[in-house]
Amino acid sequence: MPLKNLRRDRQGQGGFTLVEIMVGMLIGLIGIIVIFQVFQLTESRKRTTTAGSDAQIAGSVAMFSLERDLRLGGFGFGAAASASGGSLMGCNVNVFDNANPATNFALRLAPVVITDGVAGAPDSITVLWGSSLTFSNFETFSATTDTSKLLKFRNGIDRGDLAVVGGPLTTAPQGCHLIQVTDNTNADQRTINHIAGNYTSKDGTTALITRYNNPGGPGMTFAGAGIVFDLGPYPRANKWSIRNGKLTLEDLLHYVDLNPADGQNDWIEVADGVLDLQAQYGYDANLDGQIADNEWTVATPPANADWSKVLAIRVAILARSGEYEKGYTATTPVWGCGMSVSCTNFLMTNLDGSAGATTPTDPTVDWRHYRYRVYETVVPFRNVIWGAAP
């Protein structure tokens, strides 16, 4: 090829200049920045939605579990609100448990007992209910020893059942105590025994050891007649409380110390992300059969007979998401709003335990940068209401 034509062909093969390359790179970088910003915003929205859903799920599970337990409160002893003039409902039951390090402790014979948290701290709730499939009323006894009771009828009471004994019927009760039935085969068809030591299972095949009968006697005597409330083979005294941002459940009647073996009754975690639990009794002070807005209270009924006026419980659960949100500021969650009663603020604390009224240096521990869900419900004590009906 002639040299002249070669030079002309080279001049027609133009490439990208440095400026054009830099402009292209700039456009590409801008595109990448836009893509990452969209991705970051999408991920932020996704985390917020997921965290909000987690709080909603935790709160729903917590409220469902607690409400289900509350509805069982009073089963097996609801008639205590009317028996003996209602003086047995609310009595302190003396419990002996040879598997419990405390050995002797007391339980209130009430469907629900609220332990009010100090200065707005979370409350705890103890729910007591029986498990008998054949007996849901009470029976009277006319003669008693430290190891036996002569009942009017013993139908439905079986070996291994736990029962609350209280009385007498005609005067102020001398107290209540828990017994474990060990025999119901006496020929008179009325006597039940509650000895300490070994007893035979109800199917007659297994030797069992009593757990709840005190070898030294029940610790209280009864003059004249009394009442037996059969709670069945596996009653529960469930204590619901908040531990380290978790709703937990502890069975006070069945002490277990396995995991870990620390000298404390084991508890189970029901729901994570639950910060607060508040509760109030529905106390029918004017006996009109209804709970007005101003009749909700945390005060324990002043006398045993007043427990029959407690018709319901109102509970509120506060759940929090686990996602920190820089551009979000939460207001103080409230509960217990009524027609004539102003709302009650939850007591808020920062994630490091400092007072919620302060603004911590580290924004990630500021409670205001998280989302909250409040769950409330009212549960009537149907077992008590039915048991007190004429």
Protein backbone atom coordinates (compact mmCIF):
# COMPACT_ATOMS: atom_id res chain seq x y z
CA MET A 1 0.00 0.00 0.00
CA PRO A 2 1.32 3.44 -0.82
CA LEU A 3 2.54 5.42 2.17
CA LYS A 4 0.13 8.24 1.39
CA ASN A 5 -2.93 5.98 1.58
CA LEU A 6 -1.68 4.36 4.85
CA ARG A 7 -1.42 7.69 6.57
CA ARG A 8 -4.94 8.62 5.42
CA ASP A 9 -6.42 5.35 6.82
CA ARG A 10 -4.74 5.91 10.24
CA GLN A 11 -6.17 9.40 10.50
CA GLY A 12 -9.75 8.01 9.98
CA GLN A 13 -9.42 5.53 12.92
CA GLY A 14 -10.22 7.98 15.79
CA GLY A 15 -10.58 6.62 19.48
CA PHE A 16 -12.00 7.88 22.83
CA THR A 17 -10.34 10.87 24.26
CA LEU A 18 -9.38 11.09 27.93
CA VAL A 19 -12.20 13.53 28.58
CA GLU A 20 -14.75 11.17 27.07
CA ILE A 21 -13.48 8.30 29.22
CA MET A 22 -13.70 10.43 32.36
CA VAL A 23 -17.23 11.53 31.51
CA GLY A 24 -18.25 7.90 31.01
CA MET A 25 -16.70 6.90 34.32
CA LEU A 26 -18.49 9.76 36.06
CA ILE A 27 -21.85 8.68 34.63
CA GLY A 28 -21.16 5.10 35.72
CA LEU A 29 -20.22 6.18 39.24
CA ILE A 30 -23.37 8.27 39.52
CA GLY A 31 -25.41 5.25 38.41
CA ILE A 32 -23.71 3.04 41.01
CA ILE A 33 -24.38 5.62 43.75
CA VAL A 34 -28.03 5.80 42.77
CA ILE A 35 -28.32 2.02 42.76
CA PHE A 36 -26.72 1.72 46.20
CA GLN A 37 -28.95 4.46 47.60
CA VAL A 38 -32.03 2.68 46.32
CA PHE A 39 -30.69 -0.60 47.74
CA GLN A 40 -29.95 1.03 51.11
CA LEU A 41 -33.42 2.57 51.27
CA THR A 42 -35.02 -0.75 50.31
CA GLU A 43 -33.03 -2.63 52.95
CA SER A 44 -33.93 -0.01 55.57
CA ARG A 45 -37.61 -0.34 54.75
CA LYS A 46 -37.28 -4.11 54.76
CA ARG A 47 -35.60 -4.14 58.19
CA THR A 48 -38.20 -1.75 59.59
CA THR A 49 -41.05 -3.89 58.28
CA THR A 50 -39.43 -7.09 59.51
CA ALA A 51 -38.69 -5.63 62.93
CA GLY A 52 -42.24 -4.31 63.22
CA SER A 53 -43.55 -7.74 62.27
CA ASP A 54 -41.31 -9.35 64.90
CA ALA A 55 -42.75 -7.07 67.58
CA GLN A 56 -46.26 -7.80 66.36
CA ILE A 57 -45.67 -11.56 66.39
CA ALA A 58 -44.04 -11.48 69.85
CA GLY A 59 -46.86 -9.38 71.28
CA SER A 60 -49.53 -11.57 69.70
CA VAL A 61 -47.95 -14.79 70.98
CA ALA A 62 -47.48 -13.30 74.45
CA MET A 63 -51.06 -12.07 74.70
CA PHE A 64 -52.52 -15.30 73.29
CA SER A 65 -50.59 -17.43 75.80
CA LEU A 66 -51.40 -15.22 78.77
CA GLU A 67 -55.07 -14.80 77.89
CA ARG A 68 -55.51 -18.56 77.45
CA ASP A 69 -54.10 -19.14 80.93
CA LEU A 70 -56.18 -16.35 82.50
CA ARG A 71 -59.40 -17.88 81.19
CA LEU A 72 -58.65 -21.04 83.20
CA GLY A 73 -58.23 -19.10 86.44
CA GLY A 74 -60.45 -20.38 89.24
CA PHE A 75 -61.30 -23.71 87.64
CA GLY A 76 -61.98 -26.23 90.42
CA PHE A 77 -62.53 -23.69 93.19
CA GLY A 78 -64.75 -21.01 91.65
CA ALA A 79 -67.47 -21.90 94.17
CA ALA A 80 -65.22 -20.58 96.95
CA ALA A 81 -66.72 -17.17 96.14
CA SER A 82 -70.05 -18.35 97.55
CA ALA A 83 -69.23 -21.31 99.80
CA SER A 84 -69.01 -20.47 103.50
CA GLY A 85 -70.19 -16.95 102.76
CA GLY A 86 -67.36 -16.42 100.30
CA SER A 87 -64.84 -16.38 103.13
CA LEU A 88 -62.62 -19.05 101.56
CA MET A 89 -61.91 -17.28 98.29
CA GLY A 90 -58.66 -15.41 98.80
CA CYS A 91 -57.48 -17.45 101.77
CA ASN A 92 -53.76 -18.18 102.02
CA VAL A 93 -53.18 -21.85 101.24
CA ASN A 94 -50.37 -23.45 103.23
CA VAL A 95 -48.43 -25.60 100.75
CA PHE A 96 -45.89 -28.26 101.69
CA ASP A 97 -43.65 -29.49 98.86
CA ASN A 98 -40.81 -31.88 99.69
CA ALA A 99 -39.23 -31.13 96.27
CA ASN A 100 -39.04 -27.40 96.96
CA PRO A 101 -36.09 -26.01 98.97
CA ALA A 102 -38.50 -23.65 100.69
CA THR A 103 -40.60 -26.72 101.72
CA ASN A 104 -43.44 -24.55 103.03
CA PHE A 105 -44.91 -21.60 101.17
CA ALA A 106 -48.28 -19.92 100.69
CA LEU A 107 -50.52 -19.50 97.66
CA ARG A 108 -53.58 -17.27 97.52
CA LEU A 109 -56.78 -19.22 96.69
CA ALA A 110 -57.80 -16.80 93.95
CA PRO A 111 -58.08 -17.13 90.18
CA VAL A 112 -55.50 -14.40 89.64
CA VAL A 113 -53.19 -12.49 91.96
CA ILE A 114 -51.52 -9.32 90.68
CA THR A 115 -48.18 -8.28 92.18
CA ASP A 116 -47.94 -4.60 91.35
CA GLY A 117 -44.56 -3.42 90.08
CA VAL A 118 -42.89 -0.70 92.11
CA ALA A 119 -43.18 2.81 90.65
CA GLY A 120 -44.58 1.66 87.31
CA ALA A 121 -42.25 -1.33 86.86
CA PRO A 122 -43.72 -4.44 85.20
CA ASP A 123 -46.35 -6.33 87.17
CA SER A 124 -46.38 -10.08 87.68
CA ILE A 125 -49.50 -12.23 87.55
CA THR A 126 -50.09 -15.58 89.25
CA VAL A 127 -52.91 -17.70 87.79
CA LEU A 128 -54.27 -20.66 89.77
CA TRP A 129 -56.44 -23.36 88.22
CA GLY A 130 -57.26 -27.04 88.66
CA SER A 131 -57.12 -29.92 86.21
CA SER A 132 -59.74 -32.40 87.39
CA LEU A 133 -61.77 -34.00 84.62
CA THR A 134 -64.38 -35.44 86.99
CA PHE A 135 -64.83 -32.84 89.74
CA SER A 136 -65.30 -29.07 89.46
CA ASN A 137 -67.33 -28.21 92.58
CA PHE A 138 -66.61 -28.49 96.30
CA GLU A 139 -67.41 -31.15 98.87
CA THR A 140 -67.95 -30.81 102.60
CA PHE A 141 -66.39 -32.90 105.35
CA SER A 142 -67.74 -33.52 108.85
CA ALA A 143 -64.76 -35.19 110.52
CA THR A 144 -61.04 -34.70 110.05
CA THR A 145 -57.63 -35.90 111.19
CA ASP A 146 -54.12 -35.04 110.04
CA THR A 147 -54.34 -37.90 107.53
CA SER A 148 -58.03 -38.25 106.60
CA LYS A 149 -61.28 -36.42 105.85
CA LEU A 150 -64.80 -37.83 106.12
CA LEU A 151 -66.69 -36.35 103.19
CA LYS A 152 -70.39 -36.20 102.47
CA PHE A 153 -69.60 -37.67 99.04
CA ARG A 154 -66.22 -38.54 97.58
CA ASN A 155 -67.28 -39.24 93.99
CA GLY A 156 -64.84 -37.78 91.46
CA ILE A 157 -61.93 -37.48 93.91
CA ASP A 158 -59.13 -39.84 92.97
CA ARG A 159 -55.74 -40.93 94.28
CA GLY A 160 -53.00 -38.49 93.36
CA ASP A 161 -55.35 -35.50 93.20
CA LEU A 162 -54.34 -32.29 94.93
CA ALA A 163 -57.05 -30.61 96.99
CA VAL A 164 -57.44 -27.44 99.03
CA VAL A 165 -59.02 -27.93 102.44
CA GLY A 166 -60.60 -24.95 104.18
CA GLY A 167 -63.09 -24.24 106.92
CA PRO A 168 -65.01 -24.31 109.09
CA LEU A 169 -68.30 -23.47 107.36
CA THR A 170 -70.03 -21.54 110.12
CA THR A 171 -67.33 -19.17 111.42
CA ALA A 172 -64.32 -17.33 110.09
CA PRO A 173 -62.00 -19.80 108.37
CA GLN A 174 -59.06 -21.09 110.34
CA GLY A 175 -57.07 -21.25 107.13
CA CYS A 176 -56.53 -23.42 104.09
CA HIS A 177 -53.97 -26.07 103.27
CA LEU A 178 -53.07 -28.26 100.31
CA ILE A 179 -53.29 -32.05 100.55
CA GLN A 180 -52.54 -34.88 98.16
CA VAL A 181 -55.12 -37.68 98.14
CA THR A 182 -53.49 -41.06 98.71
CA ASP A 183 -56.49 -43.38 99.13
CA ASN A 184 -60.17 -43.39 98.24
CA THR A 185 -61.00 -47.07 98.77
CA ASN A 186 -62.34 -46.95 102.33
CA ALA A 187 -65.41 -49.20 102.69
CA ASP A 188 -67.58 -46.32 103.94
CA GLN A 189 -67.27 -44.77 100.45
CA ARG A 190 -66.83 -41.35 102.06
CA THR A 191 -63.34 -41.20 103.53
CA ILE A 192 -60.27 -39.93 101.71
CA ASN A 193 -56.75 -40.26 103.09
CA HIS A 194 -53.76 -37.97 102.65
CA ILE A 195 -50.84 -39.67 104.33
CA ALA A 196 -47.15 -38.88 103.90
CA GLY A 197 -44.93 -41.51 102.35
CA ASN A 198 -45.85 -44.10 99.75
CA TYR A 199 -49.23 -44.72 98.17
CA THR A 200 -50.59 -46.83 95.32
CA SER A 201 -51.51 -45.23 92.00
CA LYS A 202 -55.17 -45.06 91.02
CA ASP A 203 -54.78 -47.99 88.64
CA GLY A 204 -53.36 -50.06 91.52
CA THR A 205 -50.09 -50.94 89.77
CA THR A 206 -47.46 -48.41 90.85
CA ALA A 207 -46.03 -47.36 94.19
CA LEU A 208 -45.72 -43.57 94.34
CA ILE A 209 -44.27 -41.14 96.86
CA THR A 210 -46.40 -38.29 98.10
CA ARG A 211 -44.94 -34.86 97.48
CA TYR A 212 -47.41 -32.48 99.09
CA ASN A 213 -48.34 -34.15 102.41
CA ASN A 214 -46.40 -32.89 105.41
CA PRO A 215 -45.11 -35.79 107.58
CA GLY A 216 -45.66 -33.56 110.59
CA GLY A 217 -49.30 -32.87 109.71
CA PRO A 218 -50.88 -30.11 107.64
CA GLY A 219 -49.94 -27.42 110.13
CA MET A 220 -53.48 -26.37 111.02
CA THR A 221 -56.50 -27.99 112.57
CA PHE A 222 -60.21 -27.75 111.75
CA ALA A 223 -63.00 -27.67 114.27
CA GLY A 224 -66.24 -29.05 112.92
CA ALA A 225 -67.11 -29.11 109.23
CA GLY A 226 -65.05 -27.81 106.35
CA ILE A 227 -64.76 -27.77 102.59
CA VAL A 228 -62.59 -29.64 100.08
CA PHE A 229 -61.85 -28.21 96.62
CA ASP A 230 -60.46 -30.95 94.38
CA LEU A 231 -57.89 -29.47 91.94
CA GLY A 232 -57.17 -32.69 90.09
CA PRO A 233 -53.85 -34.46 89.45
CA TYR A 234 -51.94 -31.56 87.91
CA PRO A 235 -53.16 -28.09 88.93
CA ARG A 236 -51.09 -25.07 87.99
CA ALA A 237 -50.02 -21.92 89.76
CA ASN A 238 -48.48 -20.08 86.82
CA LYS A 239 -46.52 -16.93 87.50
CA TRP A 240 -46.16 -14.61 84.50
CA SER A 241 -43.44 -11.98 84.68
CA ILE A 242 -40.95 -9.97 82.62
CA ARG A 243 -37.28 -11.01 82.71
CA ASN A 244 -34.68 -9.19 80.57
CA GLY A 245 -37.13 -8.21 77.86
CA LYS A 246 -38.89 -11.59 77.79
CA LEU A 247 -42.30 -12.75 78.95
CA THR A 248 -41.63 -15.78 81.15
CA LEU A 249 -43.72 -18.47 82.83
CA GLU A 250 -42.92 -20.20 86.13
CA ASP A 251 -45.02 -22.98 87.70
CA LEU A 252 -45.00 -22.37 91.45
CA LEU A 253 -46.67 -25.68 92.34
CA HIS A 254 -44.18 -27.92 90.53
CA TYR A 255 -40.68 -26.90 91.51
CA VAL A 256 -38.02 -28.01 89.01
CA ASP A 257 -34.35 -27.04 89.08
CA LEU A 258 -32.67 -28.68 86.10
CA ASN A 259 -31.47 -26.12 83.57
CA PRO A 260 -29.33 -24.81 85.03
CA ALA A 261 -29.16 -26.25 88.54
CA ASP A 262 -28.91 -22.93 90.36
CA GLY A 263 -31.20 -23.38 93.35
CA GLN A 264 -34.02 -21.52 91.58
CA ASN A 265 -37.27 -22.77 90.10
CA ASP A 266 -36.91 -23.14 86.34
CA TRP A 267 -38.93 -20.86 84.09
CA ILE A 268 -39.58 -20.89 80.37
CA GLU A 269 -39.47 -18.07 77.85
CA VAL A 270 -42.81 -17.49 76.15
CA ALA A 271 -42.02 -14.45 73.96
CA ASP A 272 -38.96 -12.29 73.31
CA GLY A 273 -39.05 -8.52 72.89
CA VAL A 274 -41.74 -8.01 75.56
CA LEU A 275 -40.81 -5.08 77.81
CA ASP A 276 -43.75 -4.54 80.10
CA LEU A 277 -46.78 -6.21 81.62
CA GLN A 278 -49.47 -4.22 83.42
CA ALA A 279 -52.66 -5.55 84.98
CA GLN A 280 -55.69 -4.40 86.97
CA TYR A 281 -58.55 -6.13 88.78
CA GLY A 282 -62.10 -5.45 87.62
CA TYR A 283 -63.57 -4.82 91.09
CA ASP A 284 -67.37 -4.56 91.14
CA ALA A 285 -67.55 -2.32 94.20
CA ASN A 286 -71.25 -1.41 93.81
CA LEU A 287 -72.31 -4.99 93.00
CA ASP A 288 -74.18 -4.03 89.83
CA GLY A 289 -72.60 -6.88 87.86
CA GLN A 290 -70.58 -4.53 85.68
CA ILE A 291 -67.09 -3.02 85.78
CA ALA A 292 -67.13 0.75 85.30
CA ASP A 293 -64.07 2.63 84.10
CA ASN A 294 -63.34 3.82 87.63
CA GLU A 295 -63.60 0.28 89.08
CA TRP A 296 -60.31 -0.97 87.62
CA THR A 297 -57.68 -1.18 90.35
CA VAL A 298 -54.40 -2.85 91.33
CA ALA A 299 -55.43 -2.92 94.99
CA THR A 300 -55.83 -6.38 96.51
CA PRO A 301 -59.35 -6.96 97.88
CA PRO A 302 -59.29 -5.98 101.56
CA ALA A 303 -61.05 -9.14 102.85
CA ASN A 304 -61.62 -12.69 101.65
CA ALA A 305 -65.32 -12.06 101.03
CA ASP A 306 -64.40 -9.14 98.74
CA TRP A 307 -62.74 -11.48 96.24
CA SER A 308 -66.22 -12.38 94.98
CA LYS A 309 -66.41 -8.79 93.66
CA VAL A 310 -63.41 -9.36 91.39
CA LEU A 311 -65.10 -10.26 88.11
CA ALA A 312 -62.37 -9.73 85.53
CA ILE A 313 -58.79 -8.72 84.86
CA ARG A 314 -57.44 -6.19 82.37
CA VAL A 315 -53.92 -6.74 81.06
CA ALA A 316 -51.63 -4.82 78.73
CA ILE A 317 -48.42 -6.01 77.09
CA LEU A 318 -45.76 -3.78 75.51
CA ALA A 319 -43.57 -5.27 72.75
CA ARG A 320 -40.62 -3.57 71.03
CA SER A 321 -38.98 -4.12 67.66
CA GLY A 322 -35.28 -4.96 67.56
CA GLU A 323 -34.37 -2.51 64.76
CA TYR A 324 -32.74 0.86 65.51
CA GLU A 325 -34.18 3.62 63.31
CA LYS A 326 -32.18 6.83 63.10
CA GLY A 327 -34.89 8.97 61.55
CA TYR A 328 -37.76 7.76 63.71
CA THR A 329 -38.88 9.11 67.09
CA ALA A 330 -41.46 7.15 69.10
CA THR A 331 -43.91 8.71 71.52
CA THR A 332 -44.54 7.17 74.94
CA PRO A 333 -46.81 4.09 74.57
CA VAL A 334 -50.02 4.18 76.64
CA TRP A 335 -52.61 1.70 77.88
CA GLY A 336 -55.85 1.55 79.88
CA CYS A 337 -57.66 4.31 78.01
CA GLY A 338 -61.34 4.49 78.99
CA MET A 339 -64.32 6.74 78.55
CA SER A 340 -63.82 8.46 81.88
CA VAL A 341 -60.24 7.45 82.65
CA SER A 342 -57.16 9.00 81.07
CA CYS A 343 -54.56 6.78 79.47
CA THR A 344 -51.66 5.46 81.54
CA ASN A 345 -48.11 5.82 80.24
CA PHE A 346 -45.80 2.84 80.23
CA LEU A 347 -42.61 3.45 82.19
CA MET A 348 -39.94 3.72 79.50
CA THR A 349 -36.24 3.07 80.03
CA ASN A 350 -33.33 3.24 77.61
CA LEU A 351 -31.74 0.06 76.39
CA ASP A 352 -28.79 0.56 78.75
CA GLY A 353 -31.13 0.72 81.74
CA SER A 354 -30.98 4.47 82.22
CA ALA A 355 -34.12 6.51 82.85
CA GLY A 356 -36.29 7.01 79.81
CA ALA A 357 -36.58 10.73 80.46
CA THR A 358 -32.87 11.14 79.68
CA THR A 359 -31.28 11.25 76.24
CA PRO A 360 -28.23 8.96 76.16
CA THR A 361 -25.06 9.87 74.27
CA ASP A 362 -25.26 6.68 72.24
CA PRO A 363 -28.38 7.02 70.07
CA THR A 364 -28.68 3.25 69.58
CA VAL A 365 -29.72 2.82 73.23
CA ASP A 366 -32.30 5.60 73.09
CA TRP A 367 -35.73 3.95 73.43
CA ARG A 368 -37.30 6.60 71.19
CA HIS A 369 -35.64 5.18 68.06
CA TYR A 370 -37.56 1.88 68.16
CA ARG A 371 -41.11 0.88 67.29
CA TYR A 372 -43.61 -0.45 69.82
CA ARG A 373 -46.82 -2.48 69.86
CA VAL A 374 -49.36 -2.43 72.71
CA TYR A 375 -51.77 -5.33 73.24
CA GLU A 376 -54.67 -5.11 75.67
CA THR A 377 -57.51 -7.40 76.62
CA VAL A 378 -60.12 -7.95 79.33
CA VAL A 379 -60.69 -11.50 80.62
CA PRO A 380 -63.76 -12.28 82.77
CA PHE A 381 -63.35 -14.80 85.57
CA ARG A 382 -66.05 -17.10 84.25
CA ASN A 383 -65.25 -19.94 86.68
CA VAL A 384 -65.78 -17.60 89.63
CA ILE A 385 -68.89 -15.98 88.13
CA TRP A 386 -70.45 -19.37 87.41
CA GLY A 387 -69.38 -20.74 90.77
CA ALA A 388 -70.96 -17.84 92.66
CA ALA A 389 -74.25 -18.09 90.75
CA PRO A 390 -77.18 -19.23 92.92
